[in-house]
Amino acid sequence: MLLTLIVLLGCSTLKEKIKRSKIIEINELHLIDTTMVFLKGTIEILPDNIPIPSAEIELTSGNKTYKSISNKTGQFAFNSIPNGKYIIKANYIGCYDLKDSIDLGSHNNFFIKIGLVYDE
């Protein structure tokens, strides 16, 4: 079973310019109960879907913070972090920052796709 959440923010029509960085998609994979999770994902420039190398992605829950940097194809990963609710932040020079909340429940593998837009 694959659960998909698609979040579209700030778009009333397809022709309207995207003005906000956002989580595009988050999927739960391999539905096995566990207390540790793996979060993998990609980060890209919208609306052209260009991978972002060296973007900073951060997860915070309480007083714990986990950081990752995207590779040259925009991929990043967080391995063996406790399940739970997190604030996710993503940033890249020249783009609007992303700050949102995500719930990494009791399933062990997640995939997230993040889109940032250029700061005008």
PDB file of N, CA and C in Angstrom:
ATOM      1  N   MET A   1       0.842  -1.168   0.000  1.00  0.00           N
ATOM      2  CA  MET A   1       0.000   0.000   0.000  1.00  0.00           C
ATOM      3  C   MET A   1       0.889   1.232   0.000  1.00  0.00           C
ATOM      4  N   LEU A   2       0.600   2.202  -0.834  1.00  0.00           N
ATOM      5  CA  LEU A   2       1.372   3.416  -0.949  1.00  0.00           C
ATOM      6  C   LEU A   2       0.452   4.588  -0.709  1.00  0.00           C
ATOM      7  N   LEU A   3       0.779   5.399   0.289  1.00  0.00           N
ATOM      8  CA  LEU A   3      -0.022   6.573   0.611  1.00  0.00           C
ATOM      9  C   LEU A   3       0.665   7.793   0.039  1.00  0.00           C
ATOM     10  N   THR A   4      -0.076   8.657  -0.620  1.00  0.00           N
ATOM     11  CA  THR A   4       0.496   9.837  -1.233  1.00  0.00           C
ATOM     12  C   THR A   4      -0.248  11.071  -0.769  1.00  0.00           C
ATOM     13  N   LEU A   5       0.508  12.095  -0.402  1.00  0.00           N
ATOM     14  CA  LEU A   5      -0.047  13.389  -0.038  1.00  0.00           C
ATOM     15  C   LEU A   5       0.555  14.408  -0.971  1.00  0.00           C
ATOM     16  N   ILE A   6      -0.265  15.097  -1.718  1.00  0.00           N
ATOM     17  CA  ILE A   6       0.217  16.132  -2.616  1.00  0.00           C
ATOM     18  C   ILE A   6      -0.284  17.461  -2.096  1.00  0.00           C
ATOM     19  N   VAL A   7       0.632  18.406  -1.912  1.00  0.00           N
ATOM     20  CA  VAL A   7       0.292  19.716  -1.374  1.00  0.00           C
ATOM     21  C   VAL A   7       0.543  20.750  -2.462  1.00  0.00           C
ATOM     22  N   LEU A   8      -0.476  21.476  -2.830  1.00  0.00           N
ATOM     23  CA  LEU A   8      -0.340  22.557  -3.798  1.00  0.00           C
ATOM     24  C   LEU A   8      -0.760  23.844  -3.120  1.00  0.00           C
ATOM     25  N   LEU A   9       0.166  24.762  -2.976  1.00  0.00           N
ATOM     26  CA  LEU A   9      -0.103  26.001  -2.269  1.00  0.00           C
ATOM     27  C   LEU A   9       0.139  27.191  -3.188  1.00  0.00           C
ATOM     28  N   GLY A  10      -0.733  28.184  -3.114  1.00  0.00           N
ATOM     29  CA  GLY A  10      -0.521  29.426  -3.830  1.00  0.00           C
ATOM     30  C   GLY A  10      -0.779  29.368  -5.320  1.00  0.00           C
ATOM     31  N   CYS A  11      -1.518  28.396  -5.817  1.00  0.00           N
ATOM     32  CA  CYS A  11      -1.777  28.288  -7.249  1.00  0.00           C
ATOM     33  C   CYS A  11      -3.276  28.197  -7.490  1.00  0.00           C
ATOM     34  N   SER A  12      -3.835  29.193  -8.135  1.00  0.00           N
ATOM     35  CA  SER A  12      -5.252  29.116  -8.455  1.00  0.00           C
ATOM     36  C   SER A  12      -5.468  28.657  -9.891  1.00  0.00           C
ATOM     37  N   THR A  13      -4.514  28.891 -10.761  1.00  0.00           N
ATOM     38  CA  THR A  13      -4.582  28.384 -12.126  1.00  0.00           C
ATOM     39  C   THR A  13      -3.200  27.896 -12.515  1.00  0.00           C
ATOM     40  N   LEU A  14      -3.119  27.100 -13.563  1.00  0.00           N
ATOM     41  CA  LEU A  14      -1.826  26.602 -14.017  1.00  0.00           C
ATOM     42  C   LEU A  14      -0.944  27.720 -14.540  1.00  0.00           C
ATOM     43  N   LYS A  15      -1.547  28.796 -15.038  1.00  0.00           N
ATOM     44  CA  LYS A  15      -0.773  29.892 -15.603  1.00  0.00           C
ATOM     45  C   LYS A  15      -0.263  30.854 -14.537  1.00  0.00           C
ATOM     46  N   GLU A  16      -0.817  30.789 -13.325  1.00  0.00           N
ATOM     47  CA  GLU A  16      -0.386  31.687 -12.264  1.00  0.00           C
ATOM     48  C   GLU A  16       1.029  31.339 -11.841  1.00  0.00           C
ATOM     49  N   LYS A  17       1.857  32.348 -11.663  1.00  0.00           N
ATOM     50  CA  LYS A  17       3.248  32.132 -11.272  1.00  0.00           C
ATOM     51  C   LYS A  17       3.312  31.595  -9.850  1.00  0.00           C
ATOM     52  N   ILE A  18       4.132  30.577  -9.654  1.00  0.00           N
ATOM     53  CA  ILE A  18       4.309  30.007  -8.323  1.00  0.00           C
ATOM     54  C   ILE A  18       5.130  30.986  -7.505  1.00  0.00           C
ATOM     55  N   LYS A  19       4.605  31.363  -6.323  1.00  0.00           N
ATOM     56  CA  LYS A  19       5.267  32.358  -5.498  1.00  0.00           C
ATOM     57  C   LYS A  19       5.668  31.823  -4.145  1.00  0.00           C
ATOM     58  N   ARG A  20       5.542  30.518  -3.924  1.00  0.00           N
ATOM     59  CA  ARG A  20       5.842  29.970  -2.620  1.00  0.00           C
ATOM     60  C   ARG A  20       6.534  28.620  -2.753  1.00  0.00           C
ATOM     61  N   SER A  21       7.583  28.444  -1.984  1.00  0.00           N
ATOM     62  CA  SER A  21       8.237  27.144  -1.928  1.00  0.00           C
ATOM     63  C   SER A  21       7.308  26.187  -1.205  1.00  0.00           C
ATOM     64  N   LYS A  22       7.375  24.889  -1.548  1.00  0.00           N
ATOM     65  CA  LYS A  22       6.391  23.960  -1.001  1.00  0.00           C
ATOM     66  C   LYS A  22       6.875  22.525  -1.037  1.00  0.00           C
ATOM     67  N   ILE A  23       6.183  21.716  -0.244  1.00  0.00           N
ATOM     68  CA  ILE A  23       6.340  20.272  -0.349  1.00  0.00           C
ATOM     69  C   ILE A  23       5.429  19.838  -1.483  1.00  0.00           C
ATOM     70  N   ILE A  24       5.979  19.190  -2.471  1.00  0.00           N
ATOM     71  CA  ILE A  24       5.191  18.754  -3.616  1.00  0.00           C
ATOM     72  C   ILE A  24       4.542  17.410  -3.338  1.00  0.00           C
ATOM     73  N   GLU A  25       5.275  16.524  -2.705  1.00  0.00           N
ATOM     74  CA  GLU A  25       4.769  15.163  -2.516  1.00  0.00           C
ATOM     75  C   GLU A  25       5.492  14.512  -1.350  1.00  0.00           C
ATOM     76  N   ILE A  26       4.766  13.706  -0.583  1.00  0.00           N
ATOM     77  CA  ILE A  26       5.388  12.882   0.455  1.00  0.00           C
ATOM     78  C   ILE A  26       4.714  11.520   0.421  1.00  0.00           C
ATOM     79  N   ASN A  27       5.517  10.480   0.389  1.00  0.00           N
ATOM     80  CA  ASN A  27       5.007   9.105   0.304  1.00  0.00           C
ATOM     81  C   ASN A  27       5.542   8.280   1.459  1.00  0.00           C
ATOM     82  N   GLU A  28       4.682   7.409   1.997  1.00  0.00           N
ATOM     83  CA  GLU A  28       5.107   6.413   2.965  1.00  0.00           C
ATOM     84  C   GLU A  28       5.353   5.120   2.188  1.00  0.00           C
ATOM     85  N   LEU A  29       6.506   4.523   2.398  1.00  0.00           N
ATOM     86  CA  LEU A  29       6.876   3.302   1.694  1.00  0.00           C
ATOM     87  C   LEU A  29       7.150   2.198   2.702  1.00  0.00           C
ATOM     88  N   HIS A  30       6.927   0.958   2.336  1.00  0.00           N
ATOM     89  CA  HIS A  30       7.214  -0.192   3.189  1.00  0.00           C
ATOM     90  C   HIS A  30       6.566  -0.038   4.563  1.00  0.00           C
ATOM     91  N   LEU A  31       5.309  -0.276   4.643  1.00  0.00           N
ATOM     92  CA  LEU A  31       4.545  -0.029   5.862  1.00  0.00           C
ATOM     93  C   LEU A  31       4.857  -1.057   6.950  1.00  0.00           C
ATOM     94  N   ILE A  32       5.947  -0.829   7.658  1.00  0.00           N
ATOM     95  CA  ILE A  32       6.386  -1.690   8.751  1.00  0.00           C
ATOM     96  C   ILE A  32       6.489  -0.813   9.992  1.00  0.00           C
ATOM     97  N   ASP A  33       5.882  -1.228  11.102  1.00  0.00           N
ATOM     98  CA  ASP A  33       5.959  -0.446  12.325  1.00  0.00           C
ATOM     99  C   ASP A  33       7.384  -0.430  12.870  1.00  0.00           C
ATOM    100  N   THR A  34       7.834   0.751  13.261  1.00  0.00           N
ATOM    101  CA  THR A  34       9.178   0.905  13.800  1.00  0.00           C
ATOM    102  C   THR A  34       9.260   2.229  14.546  1.00  0.00           C
ATOM    103  N   THR A  35      10.292   2.395  15.351  1.00  0.00           N
ATOM    104  CA  THR A  35      10.485   3.663  16.041  1.00  0.00           C
ATOM    105  C   THR A  35      11.499   4.540  15.324  1.00  0.00           C
ATOM    106  N   MET A  36      12.193   4.006  14.346  1.00  0.00           N
ATOM    107  CA  MET A  36      13.156   4.775  13.551  1.00  0.00           C
ATOM    108  C   MET A  36      12.660   4.842  12.109  1.00  0.00           C
ATOM    109  N   VAL A  37      12.918   5.985  11.466  1.00  0.00           N
ATOM    110  CA  VAL A  37      12.470   6.158  10.083  1.00  0.00           C
ATOM    111  C   VAL A  37      13.632   6.599   9.199  1.00  0.00           C
ATOM    112  N   PHE A  38      13.444   6.404   7.925  1.00  0.00           N
ATOM    113  CA  PHE A  38      14.366   6.859   6.897  1.00  0.00           C
ATOM    114  C   PHE A  38      13.588   7.804   5.990  1.00  0.00           C
ATOM    115  N   LEU A  39      14.094   9.006   5.789  1.00  0.00           N
ATOM    116  CA  LEU A  39      13.459   9.983   4.910  1.00  0.00           C
ATOM    117  C   LEU A  39      14.428  10.294   3.789  1.00  0.00           C
ATOM    118  N   LYS A  40      13.998  10.010   2.576  1.00  0.00           N
ATOM    119  CA  LYS A  40      14.795  10.331   1.391  1.00  0.00           C
ATOM    120  C   LYS A  40      13.965  11.254   0.529  1.00  0.00           C
ATOM    121  N   GLY A  41      14.628  12.065  -0.287  1.00  0.00           N
ATOM    122  CA  GLY A  41      13.856  12.958  -1.129  1.00  0.00           C
ATOM    123  C   GLY A  41      14.684  13.670  -2.167  1.00  0.00           C
ATOM    124  N   THR A  42      13.995  14.538  -2.886  1.00  0.00           N
ATOM    125  CA  THR A  42      14.627  15.391  -3.888  1.00  0.00           C
ATOM    126  C   THR A  42      14.165  16.819  -3.653  1.00  0.00           C
ATOM    127  N   ILE A  43      14.997  17.760  -4.086  1.00  0.00           N
ATOM    128  CA  ILE A  43      14.668  19.177  -4.001  1.00  0.00           C
ATOM    129  C   ILE A  43      14.958  19.799  -5.355  1.00  0.00           C
ATOM    130  N   GLU A  44      14.039  20.658  -5.808  1.00  0.00           N
ATOM    131  CA  GLU A  44      14.167  21.221  -7.153  1.00  0.00           C
ATOM    132  C   GLU A  44      13.619  22.640  -7.210  1.00  0.00           C
ATOM    133  N   ILE A  45      14.033  23.345  -8.267  1.00  0.00           N
ATOM    134  CA  ILE A  45      13.531  24.694  -8.547  1.00  0.00           C
ATOM    135  C   ILE A  45      12.228  24.561  -9.323  1.00  0.00           C
ATOM    136  N   LEU A  46      11.196  25.271  -8.873  1.00  0.00           N
ATOM    137  CA  LEU A  46       9.912  25.298  -9.576  1.00  0.00           C
ATOM    138  C   LEU A  46       9.794  26.567 -10.394  1.00  0.00           C
ATOM    139  N   PRO A  47       9.094  26.582 -11.484  1.00  0.00           N
ATOM    140  CA  PRO A  47       8.250  25.509 -12.000  1.00  0.00           C
ATOM    141  C   PRO A  47       8.961  24.577 -12.978  1.00  0.00           C
ATOM    142  N   ASP A  48      10.262  24.735 -13.163  1.00  0.00           N
ATOM    143  CA  ASP A  48      10.972  23.977 -14.204  1.00  0.00           C
ATOM    144  C   ASP A  48      11.514  22.623 -13.749  1.00  0.00           C
ATOM    145  N   ASN A  49      11.355  22.282 -12.465  1.00  0.00           N
ATOM    146  CA  ASN A  49      11.803  20.990 -11.936  1.00  0.00           C
ATOM    147  C   ASN A  49      13.293  20.744 -12.145  1.00  0.00           C
ATOM    148  N   ILE A  50      14.106  21.774 -11.886  1.00  0.00           N
ATOM    149  CA  ILE A  50      15.553  21.666 -12.017  1.00  0.00           C
ATOM    150  C   ILE A  50      16.133  21.219 -10.669  1.00  0.00           C
ATOM    151  N   PRO A  51      16.868  20.098 -10.615  1.00  0.00           N
ATOM    152  CA  PRO A  51      17.454  19.642  -9.351  1.00  0.00           C
ATOM    153  C   PRO A  51      18.362  20.708  -8.735  1.00  0.00           C
ATOM    154  N   ILE A  52      18.331  20.806  -7.396  1.00  0.00           N
ATOM    155  CA  ILE A  52      19.156  21.784  -6.686  1.00  0.00           C
ATOM    156  C   ILE A  52      20.278  21.046  -5.950  1.00  0.00           C
ATOM    157  N   PRO A  53      21.536  21.266  -6.359  1.00  0.00           N
ATOM    158  CA  PRO A  53      22.655  20.698  -5.601  1.00  0.00           C
ATOM    159  C   PRO A  53      22.990  21.606  -4.417  1.00  0.00           C
ATOM    160  N   SER A  54      23.466  21.029  -3.333  1.00  0.00           N
ATOM    161  CA  SER A  54      23.938  21.767  -2.162  1.00  0.00           C
ATOM    162  C   SER A  54      22.864  22.576  -1.437  1.00  0.00           C
ATOM    163  N   ALA A  55      21.603  22.189  -1.568  1.00  0.00           N
ATOM    164  CA  ALA A  55      20.539  22.815  -0.780  1.00  0.00           C
ATOM    165  C   ALA A  55      20.603  22.262   0.638  1.00  0.00           C
ATOM    166  N   GLU A  56      20.215  23.075   1.607  1.00  0.00           N
ATOM    167  CA  GLU A  56      20.212  22.648   2.999  1.00  0.00           C
ATOM    168  C   GLU A  56      18.804  22.241   3.409  1.00  0.00           C
ATOM    169  N   ILE A  57      18.680  21.053   3.972  1.00  0.00           N
ATOM    170  CA  ILE A  57      17.393  20.540   4.458  1.00  0.00           C
ATOM    171  C   ILE A  57      17.585  20.210   5.936  1.00  0.00           C
ATOM    172  N   GLU A  58      16.622  20.640   6.755  1.00  0.00           N
ATOM    173  CA  GLU A  58      16.744  20.474   8.199  1.00  0.00           C
ATOM    174  C   GLU A  58      15.433  19.970   8.780  1.00  0.00           C
ATOM    175  N   LEU A  59      15.512  19.003   9.680  1.00  0.00           N
ATOM    176  CA  LEU A  59      14.355  18.494  10.416  1.00  0.00           C
ATOM    177  C   LEU A  59      14.558  18.805  11.892  1.00  0.00           C
ATOM    178  N   THR A  60      13.518  19.366  12.540  1.00  0.00           N
ATOM    179  CA  THR A  60      13.600  19.686  13.965  1.00  0.00           C
ATOM    180  C   THR A  60      12.386  19.121  14.678  1.00  0.00           C
ATOM    181  N   SER A  61      12.653  18.454  15.792  1.00  0.00           N
ATOM    182  CA  SER A  61      11.600  17.943  16.666  1.00  0.00           C
ATOM    183  C   SER A  61      12.068  18.176  18.102  1.00  0.00           C
ATOM    184  N   GLY A  62      11.353  19.053  18.810  1.00  0.00           N
ATOM    185  CA  GLY A  62      11.781  19.396  20.158  1.00  0.00           C
ATOM    186  C   GLY A  62      13.147  20.046  20.113  1.00  0.00           C
ATOM    187  N   ASN A  63      14.105  19.505  20.875  1.00  0.00           N
ATOM    188  CA  ASN A  63      15.453  20.073  20.884  1.00  0.00           C
ATOM    189  C   ASN A  63      16.422  19.309  19.978  1.00  0.00           C
ATOM    190  N   LYS A  64      15.915  18.392  19.162  1.00  0.00           N
ATOM    191  CA  LYS A  64      16.752  17.615  18.240  1.00  0.00           C
ATOM    192  C   LYS A  64      16.641  18.177  16.827  1.00  0.00           C
ATOM    193  N   THR A  65      17.800  18.378  16.195  1.00  0.00           N
ATOM    194  CA  THR A  65      17.845  18.865  14.823  1.00  0.00           C
ATOM    195  C   THR A  65      18.721  17.932  13.995  1.00  0.00           C
ATOM    196  N   TYR A  66      18.231  17.589  12.801  1.00  0.00           N
ATOM    197  CA  TYR A  66      18.955  16.735  11.858  1.00  0.00           C
ATOM    198  C   TYR A  66      19.115  17.518  10.567  1.00  0.00           C
ATOM    199  N   LYS A  67      20.312  17.449   9.957  1.00  0.00           N
ATOM    200  CA  LYS A  67      20.590  18.226   8.752  1.00  0.00           C
ATOM    201  C   LYS A  67      21.085  17.327   7.632  1.00  0.00           C
ATOM    202  N   SER A  68      20.761  17.763   6.416  1.00  0.00           N
ATOM    203  CA  SER A  68      21.225  17.061   5.220  1.00  0.00           C
ATOM    204  C   SER A  68      21.495  18.104   4.129  1.00  0.00           C
ATOM    205  N   ILE A  69      22.396  17.771   3.228  1.00  0.00           N
ATOM    206  CA  ILE A  69      22.718  18.613   2.072  1.00  0.00           C
ATOM    207  C   ILE A  69      22.438  17.789   0.820  1.00  0.00           C
ATOM    208  N   SER A  70      21.748  18.393  -0.147  1.00  0.00           N
ATOM    209  CA  SER A  70      21.425  17.656  -1.378  1.00  0.00           C
ATOM    210  C   SER A  70      22.674  17.467  -2.237  1.00  0.00           C
ATOM    211  N   ASN A  71      22.686  16.353  -2.978  1.00  0.00           N
ATOM    212  CA  ASN A  71      23.806  16.079  -3.879  1.00  0.00           C
ATOM    213  C   ASN A  71      23.583  16.773  -5.222  1.00  0.00           C
ATOM    214  N   LYS A  72      24.428  16.479  -6.201  1.00  0.00           N
ATOM    215  CA  LYS A  72      24.358  17.184  -7.485  1.00  0.00           C
ATOM    216  C   LYS A  72      23.071  16.908  -8.260  1.00  0.00           C
ATOM    217  N   THR A  73      22.349  15.843  -7.909  1.00  0.00           N
ATOM    218  CA  THR A  73      21.078  15.556  -8.579  1.00  0.00           C
ATOM    219  C   THR A  73      19.878  15.964  -7.715  1.00  0.00           C
ATOM    220  N   GLY A  74      20.151  16.709  -6.634  1.00  0.00           N
ATOM    221  CA  GLY A  74      19.076  17.200  -5.777  1.00  0.00           C
ATOM    222  C   GLY A  74      18.564  16.183  -4.767  1.00  0.00           C
ATOM    223  N   GLN A  75      19.238  15.053  -4.625  1.00  0.00           N
ATOM    224  CA  GLN A  75      18.793  14.023  -3.682  1.00  0.00           C
ATOM    225  C   GLN A  75      19.413  14.245  -2.306  1.00  0.00           C
ATOM    226  N   PHE A  76      18.639  13.904  -1.272  1.00  0.00           N
ATOM    227  CA  PHE A  76      19.122  14.005   0.104  1.00  0.00           C
ATOM    228  C   PHE A  76      18.504  12.870   0.911  1.00  0.00           C
ATOM    229  N   ALA A  77      19.046  12.638   2.116  1.00  0.00           N
ATOM    230  CA  ALA A  77      18.523  11.555   2.951  1.00  0.00           C
ATOM    231  C   ALA A  77      18.768  11.846   4.427  1.00  0.00           C
ATOM    232  N   PHE A  78      17.849  11.347   5.229  1.00  0.00           N
ATOM    233  CA  PHE A  78      17.985  11.299   6.681  1.00  0.00           C
ATOM    234  C   PHE A  78      17.826   9.831   7.057  1.00  0.00           C
ATOM    235  N   ASN A  79      18.853   9.242   7.641  1.00  0.00           N
ATOM    236  CA  ASN A  79      18.831   7.816   7.975  1.00  0.00           C
ATOM    237  C   ASN A  79      18.684   7.603   9.473  1.00  0.00           C
ATOM    238  N   SER A  80      17.811   6.704   9.855  1.00  0.00           N
ATOM    239  CA  SER A  80      17.624   6.291  11.247  1.00  0.00           C
ATOM    240  C   SER A  80      17.346   7.456  12.199  1.00  0.00           C
ATOM    241  N   ILE A  81      16.293   8.212  11.910  1.00  0.00           N
ATOM    242  CA  ILE A  81      15.856   9.254  12.835  1.00  0.00           C
ATOM    243  C   ILE A  81      14.582   8.776  13.534  1.00  0.00           C
ATOM    244  N   PRO A  82      14.327   9.236  14.754  1.00  0.00           N
ATOM    245  CA  PRO A  82      13.124   8.792  15.464  1.00  0.00           C
ATOM    246  C   PRO A  82      11.849   9.218  14.739  1.00  0.00           C
ATOM    247  N   ASN A  83      10.829   8.351  14.759  1.00  0.00           N
ATOM    248  CA  ASN A  83       9.569   8.739  14.142  1.00  0.00           C
ATOM    249  C   ASN A  83       8.933   9.853  14.971  1.00  0.00           C
ATOM    250  N   GLY A  84       8.004  10.593  14.360  1.00  0.00           N
ATOM    251  CA  GLY A  84       7.343  11.677  15.074  1.00  0.00           C
ATOM    252  C   GLY A  84       7.054  12.858  14.175  1.00  0.00           C
ATOM    253  N   LYS A  85       6.644  13.948  14.803  1.00  0.00           N
ATOM    254  CA  LYS A  85       6.320  15.176  14.069  1.00  0.00           C
ATOM    255  C   LYS A  85       7.547  16.078  14.023  1.00  0.00           C
ATOM    256  N   TYR A  86       7.770  16.662  12.845  1.00  0.00           N
ATOM    257  CA  TYR A  86       8.947  17.496  12.612  1.00  0.00           C
ATOM    258  C   TYR A  86       8.562  18.800  11.920  1.00  0.00           C
ATOM    259  N   ILE A  87       9.391  19.803  12.137  1.00  0.00           N
ATOM    260  CA  ILE A  87       9.376  20.998  11.303  1.00  0.00           C
ATOM    261  C   ILE A  87      10.472  20.771  10.275  1.00  0.00           C
ATOM    262  N   ILE A  88      10.117  20.883   8.995  1.00  0.00           N
ATOM    263  CA  ILE A  88      11.113  20.728   7.936  1.00  0.00           C
ATOM    264  C   ILE A  88      11.396  22.105   7.355  1.00  0.00           C
ATOM    265  N   LYS A  89      12.675  22.384   7.181  1.00  0.00           N
ATOM    266  CA  LYS A  89      13.111  23.629   6.565  1.00  0.00           C
ATOM    267  C   LYS A  89      14.034  23.266   5.413  1.00  0.00           C
ATOM    268  N   ALA A  90      13.910  24.011   4.327  1.00  0.00           N
ATOM    269  CA  ALA A  90      14.802  23.826   3.182  1.00  0.00           C
ATOM    270  C   ALA A  90      15.148  25.199   2.639  1.00  0.00           C
ATOM    271  N   ASN A  91      16.418  25.373   2.277  1.00  0.00           N
ATOM    272  CA  ASN A  91      16.799  26.661   1.702  1.00  0.00           C
ATOM    273  C   ASN A  91      17.936  26.500   0.716  1.00  0.00           C
ATOM    274  N   TYR A  92      17.988  27.481  -0.168  1.00  0.00           N
ATOM    275  CA  TYR A  92      19.014  27.554  -1.191  1.00  0.00           C
ATOM    276  C   TYR A  92      19.159  29.020  -1.559  1.00  0.00           C
ATOM    277  N   ILE A  93      20.381  29.455  -1.795  1.00  0.00           N
ATOM    278  CA  ILE A  93      20.633  30.864  -2.105  1.00  0.00           C
ATOM    279  C   ILE A  93      19.798  31.309  -3.306  1.00  0.00           C
ATOM    280  N   GLY A  94      19.083  32.427  -3.143  1.00  0.00           N
ATOM    281  CA  GLY A  94      18.292  32.990  -4.228  1.00  0.00           C
ATOM    282  C   GLY A  94      16.874  32.466  -4.314  1.00  0.00           C
ATOM    283  N   CYS A  95      16.487  31.578  -3.383  1.00  0.00           N
ATOM    284  CA  CYS A  95      15.139  31.004  -3.398  1.00  0.00           C
ATOM    285  C   CYS A  95      14.407  31.332  -2.103  1.00  0.00           C
ATOM    286  N   TYR A  96      13.070  31.323  -2.168  1.00  0.00           N
ATOM    287  CA  TYR A  96      12.270  31.426  -0.963  1.00  0.00           C
ATOM    288  C   TYR A  96      12.501  30.173  -0.134  1.00  0.00           C
ATOM    289  N   ASP A  97      12.602  30.343   1.177  1.00  0.00           N
ATOM    290  CA  ASP A  97      12.781  29.201   2.070  1.00  0.00           C
ATOM    291  C   ASP A  97      11.475  28.430   2.225  1.00  0.00           C
ATOM    292  N   LEU A  98      11.604  27.158   2.512  1.00  0.00           N
ATOM    293  CA  LEU A  98      10.461  26.315   2.869  1.00  0.00           C
ATOM    294  C   LEU A  98      10.492  26.091   4.362  1.00  0.00           C
ATOM    295  N   LYS A  99       9.349  26.219   5.012  1.00  0.00           N
ATOM    296  CA  LYS A  99       9.188  25.824   6.412  1.00  0.00           C
ATOM    297  C   LYS A  99       7.789  25.252   6.525  1.00  0.00           C
ATOM    298  N   ASP A 100       7.702  23.988   6.938  1.00  0.00           N
ATOM    299  CA  ASP A 100       6.420  23.303   7.015  1.00  0.00           C
ATOM    300  C   ASP A 100       6.527  22.205   8.070  1.00  0.00           C
ATOM    301  N   SER A 101       5.405  21.631   8.426  1.00  0.00           N
ATOM    302  CA  SER A 101       5.424  20.524   9.379  1.00  0.00           C
ATOM    303  C   SER A 101       5.101  19.226   8.654  1.00  0.00           C
ATOM    304  N   ILE A 102       5.742  18.145   9.089  1.00  0.00           N
ATOM    305  CA  ILE A 102       5.466  16.826   8.531  1.00  0.00           C
ATOM    306  C   ILE A 102       5.392  15.827   9.681  1.00  0.00           C
ATOM    307  N   ASP A 103       4.615  14.784   9.471  1.00  0.00           N
ATOM    308  CA  ASP A 103       4.461  13.733  10.467  1.00  0.00           C
ATOM    309  C   ASP A 103       5.070  12.455   9.910  1.00  0.00           C
ATOM    310  N   LEU A 104       6.199  12.071  10.461  1.00  0.00           N
ATOM    311  CA  LEU A 104       6.852  10.831  10.070  1.00  0.00           C
ATOM    312  C   LEU A 104       6.421   9.782  11.078  1.00  0.00           C
ATOM    313  N   GLY A 105       5.269   9.203  10.794  1.00  0.00           N
ATOM    314  CA  GLY A 105       4.613   8.278  11.717  1.00  0.00           C
ATOM    315  C   GLY A 105       5.389   7.016  11.983  1.00  0.00           C
ATOM    316  N   SER A 106       4.687   5.941  12.247  1.00  0.00           N
ATOM    317  CA  SER A 106       5.321   4.700  12.684  1.00  0.00           C
ATOM    318  C   SER A 106       5.765   3.803  11.536  1.00  0.00           C
ATOM    319  N   HIS A 107       5.717   4.280  10.313  1.00  0.00           N
ATOM    320  CA  HIS A 107       6.200   3.494   9.170  1.00  0.00           C
ATOM    321  C   HIS A 107       7.639   3.883   8.896  1.00  0.00           C
ATOM    322  N   ASN A 108       8.418   2.994   8.329  1.00  0.00           N
ATOM    323  CA  ASN A 108       9.858   3.215   8.356  1.00  0.00           C
ATOM    324  C   ASN A 108      10.482   3.958   7.187  1.00  0.00           C
ATOM    325  N   ASN A 109       9.858   4.054   6.030  1.00  0.00           N
ATOM    326  CA  ASN A 109      10.475   4.716   4.886  1.00  0.00           C
ATOM    327  C   ASN A 109       9.551   5.763   4.291  1.00  0.00           C
ATOM    328  N   PHE A 110      10.108   6.950   4.057  1.00  0.00           N
ATOM    329  CA  PHE A 110       9.345   8.036   3.461  1.00  0.00           C
ATOM    330  C   PHE A 110      10.137   8.626   2.308  1.00  0.00           C
ATOM    331  N   PHE A 111       9.421   9.112   1.300  1.00  0.00           N
ATOM    332  CA  PHE A 111      10.020   9.865   0.205  1.00  0.00           C
ATOM    333  C   PHE A 111       9.313  11.207   0.131  1.00  0.00           C
ATOM    334  N   ILE A 112      10.073  12.294   0.014  1.00  0.00           N
ATOM    335  CA  ILE A 112       9.495  13.628  -0.059  1.00  0.00           C
ATOM    336  C   ILE A 112      10.099  14.373  -1.246  1.00  0.00           C
ATOM    337  N   LYS A 113       9.277  15.144  -1.914  1.00  0.00           N
ATOM    338  CA  LYS A 113       9.728  15.964  -3.037  1.00  0.00           C
ATOM    339  C   LYS A 113       9.460  17.413  -2.667  1.00  0.00           C
ATOM    340  N   ILE A 114      10.509  18.235  -2.658  1.00  0.00           N
ATOM    341  CA  ILE A 114      10.406  19.632  -2.250  1.00  0.00           C
ATOM    342  C   ILE A 114      10.670  20.525  -3.452  1.00  0.00           C
ATOM    343  N   GLY A 115       9.855  21.556  -3.605  1.00  0.00           N
ATOM    344  CA  GLY A 115      10.048  22.542  -4.669  1.00  0.00           C
ATOM    345  C   GLY A 115      10.285  23.919  -4.083  1.00  0.00           C
ATOM    346  N   LEU A 116      11.377  24.553  -4.494  1.00  0.00           N
ATOM    347  CA  LEU A 116      11.658  25.938  -4.090  1.00  0.00           C
ATOM    348  C   LEU A 116      11.483  26.838  -5.306  1.00  0.00           C
ATOM    349  N   VAL A 117      11.129  28.096  -5.062  1.00  0.00           N
ATOM    350  CA  VAL A 117      10.998  29.060  -6.146  1.00  0.00           C
ATOM    351  C   VAL A 117      11.974  30.203  -5.925  1.00  0.00           C
ATOM    352  N   TYR A 118      12.386  30.801  -7.034  1.00  0.00           N
ATOM    353  CA  TYR A 118      13.328  31.912  -6.954  1.00  0.00           C
ATOM    354  C   TYR A 118      12.714  33.094  -6.215  1.00  0.00           C
ATOM    355  N   ASP A 119      13.521  33.730  -5.394  1.00  0.00           N
ATOM    356  CA  ASP A 119      13.152  34.946  -4.687  1.00  0.00           C
ATOM    357  C   ASP A 119      13.255  36.096  -5.679  1.00  0.00           C
ATOM    358  N   GLU A 120      12.201  36.883  -5.768  1.00  0.00           N
ATOM    359  CA  GLU A 120      12.217  37.990  -6.746  1.00  0.00           C
ATOM    360  C   GLU A 120      12.838  39.232  -6.183  1.00  0.00           C
TER     361      GLU A 120
END
